[in-house]
């Protein structure tokens, strides 16, 4: 990982994402690009002298950075712009610097799906292909427990592998959820179909875990036994949240454009998880390829 982009709104919880971004950049020996898009206040003094606003905002970010002990060990570059579509401007900076990861904070008020859909972060994830790490909690060190929502598609695999690169010392637990049509519940063949489906899904999970163990051991020369997996029948959102709590996960990974991931306009699982996440969340698209 060579370039990390921190997208900050300088809000009340922005310090959490900044601290996490600094830690990852330091561990990866990557350059940290920090971008802030200032509001375009029509008729305001800043409109008459935009360079003054941009310079003051950059100085403010430098002041915040100076509060972290990791700051001096990280090569940082600050970009402050004013106006425009925030998500587009952030993606433009990410592409310009070939960002391997976008780090952003979660807004405390985005606790319902209808408030999440249409936000800047939702658009960055939906319209871009760069992996996004959404930081909820204040970092207490490197990630120790990672829960991977898996549907066996490339997106969820990419997200898990990216997490391996960020936290090679963590314990990884992959979870795949499946469900049968509601109408099957009253049918006399339900138990037979359930057993056959679970057996098939477990076989796929075993193959997935074996592949990721080999990848992990070869890539990071670490204990592959730290990767485990299970298959569960039930509601995806509820199962993921409960498993994250049960494993005391500090990072949850998901793939985009997949069953355990993003659908049209971030519906389904992603909208539910990201509206009120149990911990930090890392999402990666099917188009992203691991280059660690």
C-alpha atoms as a PDB file:
ATOM      1  CA  UNK A   1       0.000   0.000   0.000  1.00  0.00           C
ATOM      2  CA  UNK A   2       1.573   3.255  -1.153  1.00  0.00           C
ATOM      3  CA  UNK A   3      -1.125   5.924  -0.888  1.00  0.00           C
ATOM      4  CA  UNK A   4      -3.919   6.408   1.619  1.00  0.00           C
ATOM      5  CA  UNK A   5      -6.529   9.137   1.360  1.00  0.00           C
ATOM      6  CA  UNK A   6      -8.213  10.541   4.447  1.00  0.00           C
ATOM      7  CA  UNK A   7     -11.448  12.345   3.578  1.00  0.00           C
ATOM      8  CA  UNK A   8     -12.347  14.558   6.527  1.00  0.00           C
ATOM      9  CA  UNK A   9     -15.200  16.969   7.191  1.00  0.00           C
ATOM     10  CA  UNK A  10     -13.414  18.247  10.329  1.00  0.00           C
ATOM     11  CA  UNK A  11     -16.534  17.332  12.283  1.00  0.00           C
ATOM     12  CA  UNK A  12     -16.834  16.351  15.923  1.00  0.00           C
ATOM     13  CA  UNK A  13     -15.816  12.715  15.341  1.00  0.00           C
ATOM     14  CA  UNK A  14     -13.243  13.320  12.613  1.00  0.00           C
ATOM     15  CA  UNK A  15     -10.354  12.764  15.020  1.00  0.00           C
ATOM     16  CA  UNK A  16     -11.080   9.024  15.083  1.00  0.00           C
ATOM     17  CA  UNK A  17     -10.650   8.590  11.338  1.00  0.00           C
ATOM     18  CA  UNK A  18      -7.579  10.818  11.330  1.00  0.00           C
ATOM     19  CA  UNK A  19      -5.887   8.786  14.046  1.00  0.00           C
ATOM     20  CA  UNK A  20      -6.696   5.486  12.320  1.00  0.00           C
ATOM     21  CA  UNK A  21      -5.455   6.789   8.976  1.00  0.00           C
ATOM     22  CA  UNK A  22      -2.187   7.922  10.557  1.00  0.00           C
ATOM     23  CA  UNK A  23      -1.690   4.529  12.211  1.00  0.00           C
ATOM     24  CA  UNK A  24      -2.293   2.607   8.994  1.00  0.00           C
ATOM     25  CA  UNK A  25      -0.081   4.961   6.971  1.00  0.00           C
ATOM     26  CA  UNK A  26       2.720   4.557   9.502  1.00  0.00           C
ATOM     27  CA  UNK A  27       2.438   0.756   9.547  1.00  0.00           C
ATOM     28  CA  UNK A  28       2.251   0.544   5.751  1.00  0.00           C
ATOM     29  CA  UNK A  29       4.952   3.193   5.227  1.00  0.00           C
ATOM     30  CA  UNK A  30       2.476   4.892   2.907  1.00  0.00           C
ATOM     31  CA  UNK A  31       1.936   8.547   2.049  1.00  0.00           C
ATOM     32  CA  UNK A  32      -1.180   9.992   3.651  1.00  0.00           C
ATOM     33  CA  UNK A  33      -3.184  12.423   1.531  1.00  0.00           C
ATOM     34  CA  UNK A  34      -5.720  14.451   3.498  1.00  0.00           C
ATOM     35  CA  UNK A  35      -8.583  16.113   1.658  1.00  0.00           C
ATOM     36  CA  UNK A  36     -11.240  18.490   2.955  1.00  0.00           C
ATOM     37  CA  UNK A  37     -13.943  20.043   0.804  1.00  0.00           C
ATOM     38  CA  UNK A  38     -14.982  23.381   2.317  1.00  0.00           C
ATOM     39  CA  UNK A  39     -18.609  24.501   1.841  1.00  0.00           C
ATOM     40  CA  UNK A  40     -19.241  27.062  -0.890  1.00  0.00           C
ATOM     41  CA  UNK A  41     -20.815  29.821   1.194  1.00  0.00           C
ATOM     42  CA  UNK A  42     -22.457  32.177  -1.277  1.00  0.00           C
ATOM     43  CA  UNK A  43     -21.907  35.810  -0.401  1.00  0.00           C
ATOM     44  CA  UNK A  44     -19.649  35.012   2.549  1.00  0.00           C
ATOM     45  CA  UNK A  45     -16.307  36.698   3.137  1.00  0.00           C
ATOM     46  CA  UNK A  46     -14.617  33.431   2.195  1.00  0.00           C
ATOM     47  CA  UNK A  47     -16.231  33.710  -1.235  1.00  0.00           C
ATOM     48  CA  UNK A  48     -14.501  37.033  -1.798  1.00  0.00           C
ATOM     49  CA  UNK A  49     -11.149  35.675  -0.698  1.00  0.00           C
ATOM     50  CA  UNK A  50     -11.227  31.862  -1.154  1.00  0.00           C
ATOM     51  CA  UNK A  51      -7.465  31.457  -0.831  1.00  0.00           C
ATOM     52  CA  UNK A  52      -7.650  32.865   2.694  1.00  0.00           C
ATOM     53  CA  UNK A  53     -10.233  30.233   3.707  1.00  0.00           C
ATOM     54  CA  UNK A  54      -8.273  27.405   2.123  1.00  0.00           C
ATOM     55  CA  UNK A  55      -5.036  28.467   3.809  1.00  0.00           C
ATOM     56  CA  UNK A  56      -6.707  28.774   7.229  1.00  0.00           C
ATOM     57  CA  UNK A  57      -8.342  25.378   6.810  1.00  0.00           C
ATOM     58  CA  UNK A  58      -5.007  23.804   5.878  1.00  0.00           C
ATOM     59  CA  UNK A  59      -3.407  25.382   8.952  1.00  0.00           C
ATOM     60  CA  UNK A  60      -6.256  23.999  11.080  1.00  0.00           C
ATOM     61  CA  UNK A  61      -5.645  20.486   9.759  1.00  0.00           C
ATOM     62  CA  UNK A  62      -1.919  20.843  10.497  1.00  0.00           C
ATOM     63  CA  UNK A  63      -2.804  21.855  14.040  1.00  0.00           C
ATOM     64  CA  UNK A  64      -4.940  18.732  14.455  1.00  0.00           C
ATOM     65  CA  UNK A  65      -2.199  16.536  13.003  1.00  0.00           C
ATOM     66  CA  UNK A  66       0.303  17.936  15.486  1.00  0.00           C
ATOM     67  CA  UNK A  67      -1.737  16.413  18.315  1.00  0.00           C
ATOM     68  CA  UNK A  68      -0.864  12.866  17.232  1.00  0.00           C
ATOM     69  CA  UNK A  69       2.423  11.196  18.058  1.00  0.00           C
ATOM     70  CA  UNK A  70       2.399   9.290  14.748  1.00  0.00           C
ATOM     71  CA  UNK A  71       2.244  12.496  12.725  1.00  0.00           C
ATOM     72  CA  UNK A  72       6.001  13.095  12.394  1.00  0.00           C
ATOM     73  CA  UNK A  73       6.561   9.538  11.134  1.00  0.00           C
ATOM     74  CA  UNK A  74       4.095   9.865   8.272  1.00  0.00           C
ATOM     75  CA  UNK A  75       4.562  11.660   4.961  1.00  0.00           C
ATOM     76  CA  UNK A  76       1.415  13.786   4.687  1.00  0.00           C
ATOM     77  CA  UNK A  77      -0.013  15.987   1.969  1.00  0.00           C
ATOM     78  CA  UNK A  78      -3.053  18.221   2.483  1.00  0.00           C
ATOM     79  CA  UNK A  79      -5.566  19.240  -0.174  1.00  0.00           C
ATOM     80  CA  UNK A  80      -8.332  21.742   0.608  1.00  0.00           C
ATOM     81  CA  UNK A  81     -10.938  22.642  -2.000  1.00  0.00           C
ATOM     82  CA  UNK A  82     -14.065  24.746  -1.895  1.00  0.00           C
ATOM     83  CA  UNK A  83     -17.413  24.008  -3.502  1.00  0.00           C
ATOM     84  CA  UNK A  84     -18.460  21.317  -5.950  1.00  0.00           C
ATOM     85  CA  UNK A  85     -19.984  17.912  -5.290  1.00  0.00           C
ATOM     86  CA  UNK A  86     -18.118  16.687  -2.231  1.00  0.00           C
ATOM     87  CA  UNK A  87     -18.115  13.005  -3.166  1.00  0.00           C
ATOM     88  CA  UNK A  88     -16.913  13.796  -6.712  1.00  0.00           C
ATOM     89  CA  UNK A  89     -14.109  16.031  -5.477  1.00  0.00           C
ATOM     90  CA  UNK A  90     -12.952  13.363  -3.022  1.00  0.00           C
ATOM     91  CA  UNK A  91     -12.972  10.659  -5.694  1.00  0.00           C
ATOM     92  CA  UNK A  92     -11.082  12.960  -8.050  1.00  0.00           C
ATOM     93  CA  UNK A  93      -8.323  13.450  -5.468  1.00  0.00           C
ATOM     94  CA  UNK A  94      -8.294   9.703  -4.758  1.00  0.00           C
ATOM     95  CA  UNK A  95      -7.824   8.860  -8.411  1.00  0.00           C
ATOM     96  CA  UNK A  96      -5.232  11.606  -8.934  1.00  0.00           C
ATOM     97  CA  UNK A  97      -3.074  10.181  -6.147  1.00  0.00           C
ATOM     98  CA  UNK A  98      -3.830   6.550  -7.008  1.00  0.00           C
ATOM     99  CA  UNK A  99      -5.165   5.948  -3.516  1.00  0.00           C
ATOM    100  CA  UNK A 100      -5.151   2.335  -2.364  1.00  0.00           C
ATOM    101  CA  UNK A 101      -7.612   3.129   0.412  1.00  0.00           C
ATOM    102  CA  UNK A 102     -10.010   5.915   1.381  1.00  0.00           C
ATOM    103  CA  UNK A 103     -10.478   6.450   5.122  1.00  0.00           C
ATOM    104  CA  UNK A 104     -13.464   8.408   6.408  1.00  0.00           C
ATOM    105  CA  UNK A 105     -15.310   8.925   9.659  1.00  0.00           C
ATOM    106  CA  UNK A 106     -18.896   8.027  10.429  1.00  0.00           C
ATOM    107  CA  UNK A 107     -21.367  10.724  11.387  1.00  0.00           C
ATOM    108  CA  UNK A 108     -22.961  10.104  14.751  1.00  0.00           C
ATOM    109  CA  UNK A 109     -26.416  11.051  13.460  1.00  0.00           C
ATOM    110  CA  UNK A 110     -26.416   8.556  10.577  1.00  0.00           C
ATOM    111  CA  UNK A 111     -28.104   5.820  12.565  1.00  0.00           C
ATOM    112  CA  UNK A 112     -30.959   5.065  10.207  1.00  0.00           C
ATOM    113  CA  UNK A 113     -30.806   3.760   6.687  1.00  0.00           C
ATOM    114  CA  UNK A 114     -32.744   6.627   5.116  1.00  0.00           C
ATOM    115  CA  UNK A 115     -30.209   9.045   6.596  1.00  0.00           C
ATOM    116  CA  UNK A 116     -27.283   7.042   5.261  1.00  0.00           C
ATOM    117  CA  UNK A 117     -28.470   6.645   1.689  1.00  0.00           C
ATOM    118  CA  UNK A 118     -27.509   9.694  -0.312  1.00  0.00           C
ATOM    119  CA  UNK A 119     -24.723  10.807   2.019  1.00  0.00           C
ATOM    120  CA  UNK A 120     -21.257  11.658   0.769  1.00  0.00           C
ATOM    121  CA  UNK A 121     -19.827   8.350   2.001  1.00  0.00           C
ATOM    122  CA  UNK A 122     -22.594   6.344   0.345  1.00  0.00           C
ATOM    123  CA  UNK A 123     -21.843   8.021  -2.970  1.00  0.00           C
ATOM    124  CA  UNK A 124     -18.096   7.525  -2.625  1.00  0.00           C
ATOM    125  CA  UNK A 125     -18.625   3.801  -2.093  1.00  0.00           C
ATOM    126  CA  UNK A 126     -21.272   3.405  -4.792  1.00  0.00           C
ATOM    127  CA  UNK A 127     -19.593   5.445  -7.519  1.00  0.00           C
ATOM    128  CA  UNK A 128     -15.928   4.692  -6.850  1.00  0.00           C
ATOM    129  CA  UNK A 129     -13.863   1.499  -6.967  1.00  0.00           C
ATOM    130  CA  UNK A 130     -11.319   2.424  -4.286  1.00  0.00           C
ATOM    131  CA  UNK A 131     -11.799   0.470  -1.022  1.00  0.00           C
ATOM    132  CA  UNK A 132     -13.277   2.539   1.799  1.00  0.00           C
ATOM    133  CA  UNK A 133     -12.615   2.202   5.526  1.00  0.00           C
ATOM    134  CA  UNK A 134     -15.347   3.770   7.650  1.00  0.00           C
ATOM    135  CA  UNK A 135     -14.056   4.507  11.134  1.00  0.00           C
ATOM    136  CA  UNK A 136     -16.549   4.411  13.974  1.00  0.00           C
ATOM    137  CA  UNK A 137     -14.429   3.940  17.082  1.00  0.00           C
ATOM    138  CA  UNK A 138     -11.374   5.671  18.480  1.00  0.00           C
ATOM    139  CA  UNK A 139      -8.333   3.478  17.713  1.00  0.00           C
ATOM    140  CA  UNK A 140      -6.701   1.675  20.617  1.00  0.00           C
ATOM    141  CA  UNK A 141      -4.043   0.059  18.447  1.00  0.00           C
ATOM    142  CA  UNK A 142      -3.989  -2.197  15.397  1.00  0.00           C
ATOM    143  CA  UNK A 143      -7.099  -4.229  14.577  1.00  0.00           C
ATOM    144  CA  UNK A 144      -7.179  -7.477  16.558  1.00  0.00           C
ATOM    145  CA  UNK A 145     -10.401  -9.216  15.507  1.00  0.00           C
ATOM    146  CA  UNK A 146     -11.805  -9.076  11.973  1.00  0.00           C
ATOM    147  CA  UNK A 147     -15.210 -10.425  10.988  1.00  0.00           C
ATOM    148  CA  UNK A 148     -15.601 -10.962   7.241  1.00  0.00           C
ATOM    149  CA  UNK A 149     -19.061 -11.020   5.692  1.00  0.00           C
ATOM    150  CA  UNK A 150     -18.610 -13.462   2.806  1.00  0.00           C
ATOM    151  CA  UNK A 151     -20.743 -14.414  -0.179  1.00  0.00           C
ATOM    152  CA  UNK A 152     -17.882 -16.065  -2.110  1.00  0.00           C
ATOM    153  CA  UNK A 153     -17.900 -13.273  -4.711  1.00  0.00           C
ATOM    154  CA  UNK A 154     -14.710 -11.353  -5.495  1.00  0.00           C
ATOM    155  CA  UNK A 155     -15.751  -8.219  -3.622  1.00  0.00           C
ATOM    156  CA  UNK A 156     -15.957  -9.888  -0.213  1.00  0.00           C
ATOM    157  CA  UNK A 157     -12.703 -11.744  -0.880  1.00  0.00           C
ATOM    158  CA  UNK A 158     -10.975  -8.485  -1.816  1.00  0.00           C
ATOM    159  CA  UNK A 159     -12.216  -6.793   1.364  1.00  0.00           C
ATOM    160  CA  UNK A 160     -10.923  -9.618   3.544  1.00  0.00           C
ATOM    161  CA  UNK A 161      -7.539  -9.660   1.824  1.00  0.00           C
ATOM    162  CA  UNK A 162      -7.181  -5.915   2.164  1.00  0.00           C
ATOM    163  CA  UNK A 163      -7.877  -6.297   5.882  1.00  0.00           C
ATOM    164  CA  UNK A 164      -5.116  -8.911   6.026  1.00  0.00           C
ATOM    165  CA  UNK A 165      -2.700  -6.338   4.691  1.00  0.00           C
ATOM    166  CA  UNK A 166      -3.848  -3.725   7.175  1.00  0.00           C
ATOM    167  CA  UNK A 167      -3.937  -6.075  10.167  1.00  0.00           C
ATOM    168  CA  UNK A 168      -1.812  -9.203   9.525  1.00  0.00           C
ATOM    169  CA  UNK A 169      -1.675  -9.936  13.262  1.00  0.00           C
ATOM    170  CA  UNK A 170      -5.447 -10.023  13.676  1.00  0.00           C
ATOM    171  CA  UNK A 171      -7.695 -13.069  14.003  1.00  0.00           C
ATOM    172  CA  UNK A 172     -10.069 -13.493  11.039  1.00  0.00           C
ATOM    173  CA  UNK A 173     -13.486 -15.129  11.104  1.00  0.00           C
ATOM    174  CA  UNK A 174     -15.498 -15.455   7.893  1.00  0.00           C
ATOM    175  CA  UNK A 175     -19.281 -15.738   8.044  1.00  0.00           C
ATOM    176  CA  UNK A 176     -21.653 -16.671   5.232  1.00  0.00           C
ATOM    177  CA  UNK A 177     -25.404 -16.379   5.661  1.00  0.00           C
ATOM    178  CA  UNK A 178     -27.995 -18.177   3.564  1.00  0.00           C
ATOM    179  CA  UNK A 179     -31.779 -18.188   3.606  1.00  0.00           C
ATOM    180  CA  UNK A 180     -34.527 -20.247   2.004  1.00  0.00           C
ATOM    181  CA  UNK A 181     -37.802 -18.919   0.563  1.00  0.00           C
ATOM    182  CA  UNK A 182     -40.378 -18.233   3.270  1.00  0.00           C
ATOM    183  CA  UNK A 183     -42.872 -20.510   1.539  1.00  0.00           C
ATOM    184  CA  UNK A 184     -40.554 -23.474   2.157  1.00  0.00           C
ATOM    185  CA  UNK A 185     -41.025 -23.186   5.919  1.00  0.00           C
ATOM    186  CA  UNK A 186     -44.461 -24.834   5.808  1.00  0.00           C
ATOM    187  CA  UNK A 187     -43.483 -27.448   3.221  1.00  0.00           C
ATOM    188  CA  UNK A 188     -42.835 -31.069   4.178  1.00  0.00           C
ATOM    189  CA  UNK A 189     -39.547 -31.010   2.241  1.00  0.00           C
ATOM    190  CA  UNK A 190     -38.130 -28.010   4.148  1.00  0.00           C
ATOM    191  CA  UNK A 191     -35.775 -30.008   6.380  1.00  0.00           C
ATOM    192  CA  UNK A 192     -34.411 -31.913   3.387  1.00  0.00           C
ATOM    193  CA  UNK A 193     -33.781 -28.731   1.379  1.00  0.00           C
ATOM    194  CA  UNK A 194     -32.287 -26.974   4.406  1.00  0.00           C
ATOM    195  CA  UNK A 195     -29.832 -29.809   5.058  1.00  0.00           C
ATOM    196  CA  UNK A 196     -28.773 -30.024   1.419  1.00  0.00           C
ATOM    197  CA  UNK A 197     -28.342 -26.247   1.149  1.00  0.00           C
ATOM    198  CA  UNK A 198     -26.322 -26.020   4.358  1.00  0.00           C
ATOM    199  CA  UNK A 199     -24.070 -28.881   3.259  1.00  0.00           C
ATOM    200  CA  UNK A 200     -23.419 -27.183  -0.072  1.00  0.00           C
ATOM    201  CA  UNK A 201     -22.717 -23.818   1.555  1.00  0.00           C
ATOM    202  CA  UNK A 202     -20.366 -25.358   4.115  1.00  0.00           C
ATOM    203  CA  UNK A 203     -18.422 -27.046   1.329  1.00  0.00           C
ATOM    204  CA  UNK A 204     -18.009 -23.663  -0.368  1.00  0.00           C
ATOM    205  CA  UNK A 205     -16.932 -22.067   2.917  1.00  0.00           C
ATOM    206  CA  UNK A 206     -14.330 -24.772   3.554  1.00  0.00           C
ATOM    207  CA  UNK A 207     -12.866 -24.153   0.097  1.00  0.00           C
ATOM    208  CA  UNK A 208     -12.908 -20.390   0.695  1.00  0.00           C
ATOM    209  CA  UNK A 209     -11.144 -20.671   4.061  1.00  0.00           C
ATOM    210  CA  UNK A 210      -8.510 -23.064   2.696  1.00  0.00           C
ATOM    211  CA  UNK A 211      -7.741 -20.698  -0.168  1.00  0.00           C
ATOM    212  CA  UNK A 212      -7.471 -17.698   2.136  1.00  0.00           C
ATOM    213  CA  UNK A 213      -5.305 -19.597   4.602  1.00  0.00           C
ATOM    214  CA  UNK A 214      -2.864 -20.446   1.813  1.00  0.00           C
ATOM    215  CA  UNK A 215      -2.877 -16.842   0.627  1.00  0.00           C
ATOM    216  CA  UNK A 216      -2.385 -15.499   4.149  1.00  0.00           C
ATOM    217  CA  UNK A 217       0.443 -17.887   4.996  1.00  0.00           C
ATOM    218  CA  UNK A 218       2.260 -17.228   1.721  1.00  0.00           C
ATOM    219  CA  UNK A 219       1.766 -13.466   1.765  1.00  0.00           C
ATOM    220  CA  UNK A 220       2.425 -12.681   5.407  1.00  0.00           C
ATOM    221  CA  UNK A 221       4.287 -15.758   6.698  1.00  0.00           C
ATOM    222  CA  UNK A 222       1.902 -15.855   9.628  1.00  0.00           C
ATOM    223  CA  UNK A 223      -0.282 -18.500  11.236  1.00  0.00           C
ATOM    224  CA  UNK A 224      -3.010 -19.501   8.798  1.00  0.00           C
ATOM    225  CA  UNK A 225      -4.950 -21.107  11.656  1.00  0.00           C
ATOM    226  CA  UNK A 226      -6.014 -17.597  12.634  1.00  0.00           C
ATOM    227  CA  UNK A 227      -8.579 -17.782   9.816  1.00  0.00           C
ATOM    228  CA  UNK A 228     -11.838 -19.641  10.473  1.00  0.00           C
ATOM    229  CA  UNK A 229     -15.256 -19.721   8.854  1.00  0.00           C
ATOM    230  CA  UNK A 230     -18.865 -20.715   9.441  1.00  0.00           C
ATOM    231  CA  UNK A 231     -22.196 -20.873   7.648  1.00  0.00           C
ATOM    232  CA  UNK A 232     -25.417 -19.597   9.209  1.00  0.00           C
ATOM    233  CA  UNK A 233     -29.034 -19.690   8.119  1.00  0.00           C
ATOM    234  CA  UNK A 234     -30.830 -16.464   8.947  1.00  0.00           C
ATOM    235  CA  UNK A 235     -31.146 -12.742   8.365  1.00  0.00           C
ATOM    236  CA  UNK A 236     -27.878 -11.325   7.075  1.00  0.00           C
ATOM    237  CA  UNK A 237     -27.836  -8.001   8.910  1.00  0.00           C
ATOM    238  CA  UNK A 238     -28.797  -9.381  12.295  1.00  0.00           C
ATOM    239  CA  UNK A 239     -26.379 -12.306  12.015  1.00  0.00           C
ATOM    240  CA  UNK A 240     -23.437 -10.107  11.076  1.00  0.00           C
ATOM    241  CA  UNK A 241     -24.068  -7.665  13.892  1.00  0.00           C
ATOM    242  CA  UNK A 242     -24.457 -10.432  16.468  1.00  0.00           C
ATOM    243  CA  UNK A 243     -21.352 -12.243  15.235  1.00  0.00           C
ATOM    244  CA  UNK A 244     -19.351  -9.010  15.308  1.00  0.00           C
ATOM    245  CA  UNK A 245     -20.364  -8.507  18.933  1.00  0.00           C
ATOM    246  CA  UNK A 246     -19.743 -12.142  19.827  1.00  0.00           C
ATOM    247  CA  UNK A 247     -16.239 -12.121  18.368  1.00  0.00           C
ATOM    248  CA  UNK A 248     -15.565  -8.666  19.789  1.00  0.00           C
ATOM    249  CA  UNK A 249     -14.667  -7.603  16.253  1.00  0.00           C
ATOM    250  CA  UNK A 250     -13.096  -4.194  15.830  1.00  0.00           C
ATOM    251  CA  UNK A 251     -13.326  -4.438  12.029  1.00  0.00           C
ATOM    252  CA  UNK A 252     -16.054  -5.813   9.755  1.00  0.00           C
ATOM    253  CA  UNK A 253     -15.299  -6.419   6.071  1.00  0.00           C
ATOM    254  CA  UNK A 254     -17.799  -6.555   3.215  1.00  0.00           C
ATOM    255  CA  UNK A 255     -17.765  -6.654  -0.572  1.00  0.00           C
ATOM    256  CA  UNK A 256     -19.704  -4.341  -2.832  1.00  0.00           C
ATOM    257  CA  UNK A 257     -22.150  -5.356  -5.565  1.00  0.00           C
ATOM    258  CA  UNK A 258     -22.680  -8.738  -3.996  1.00  0.00           C
ATOM    259  CA  UNK A 259     -25.095 -10.620  -1.722  1.00  0.00           C
ATOM    260  CA  UNK A 260     -23.266  -9.638   1.450  1.00  0.00           C
ATOM    261  CA  UNK A 261     -22.601  -6.206   0.104  1.00  0.00           C
ATOM    262  CA  UNK A 262     -24.047  -3.455  -1.994  1.00  0.00           C
ATOM    263  CA  UNK A 263     -27.037  -3.494  -4.270  1.00  0.00           C
ATOM    264  CA  UNK A 264     -28.700  -0.719  -6.187  1.00  0.00           C
ATOM    265  CA  UNK A 265     -28.336   2.508  -4.213  1.00  0.00           C
ATOM    266  CA  UNK A 266     -26.722   0.604  -1.339  1.00  0.00           C
ATOM    267  CA  UNK A 267     -29.814  -1.311  -0.383  1.00  0.00           C
ATOM    268  CA  UNK A 268     -30.016  -4.629   1.413  1.00  0.00           C
ATOM    269  CA  UNK A 269     -27.195  -5.618   3.723  1.00  0.00           C
ATOM    270  CA  UNK A 270     -24.879  -2.662   3.265  1.00  0.00           C
ATOM    271  CA  UNK A 271     -27.482  -0.022   3.923  1.00  0.00           C
ATOM    272  CA  UNK A 272     -28.517  -1.800   7.099  1.00  0.00           C
ATOM    273  CA  UNK A 273     -24.996  -2.390   8.410  1.00  0.00           C
ATOM    274  CA  UNK A 274     -23.586   1.032   7.599  1.00  0.00           C
ATOM    275  CA  UNK A 275     -26.552   2.926   9.006  1.00  0.00           C
ATOM    276  CA  UNK A 276     -25.633   1.693  12.483  1.00  0.00           C
ATOM    277  CA  UNK A 277     -22.420  -0.392  12.352  1.00  0.00           C
ATOM    278  CA  UNK A 278     -21.168  -2.467  15.288  1.00  0.00           C
ATOM    279  CA  UNK A 279     -17.545  -1.433  14.630  1.00  0.00           C
ATOM    280  CA  UNK A 280     -15.308  -0.020  11.891  1.00  0.00           C
ATOM    281  CA  UNK A 281     -16.282  -1.253   8.420  1.00  0.00           C
ATOM    282  CA  UNK A 282     -14.084  -1.921   5.378  1.00  0.00           C
ATOM    283  CA  UNK A 283     -15.734  -2.319   1.976  1.00  0.00           C
ATOM    284  CA  UNK A 284     -14.084  -3.255  -1.317  1.00  0.00           C
ATOM    285  CA  UNK A 285     -15.460  -3.649  -4.813  1.00  0.00           C
ATOM    286  CA  UNK A 286     -15.134  -6.547  -7.216  1.00  0.00           C
ATOM    287  CA  UNK A 287     -12.989  -4.335  -9.452  1.00  0.00           C
ATOM    288  CA  UNK A 288     -10.372  -3.734  -6.771  1.00  0.00           C
ATOM    289  CA  UNK A 289      -7.402  -6.106  -6.868  1.00  0.00           C
ATOM    290  CA  UNK A 290      -4.998  -6.708  -4.042  1.00  0.00           C
ATOM    291  CA  UNK A 291      -1.562  -5.352  -4.874  1.00  0.00           C
ATOM    292  CA  UNK A 292       0.147  -5.652  -1.497  1.00  0.00           C
END
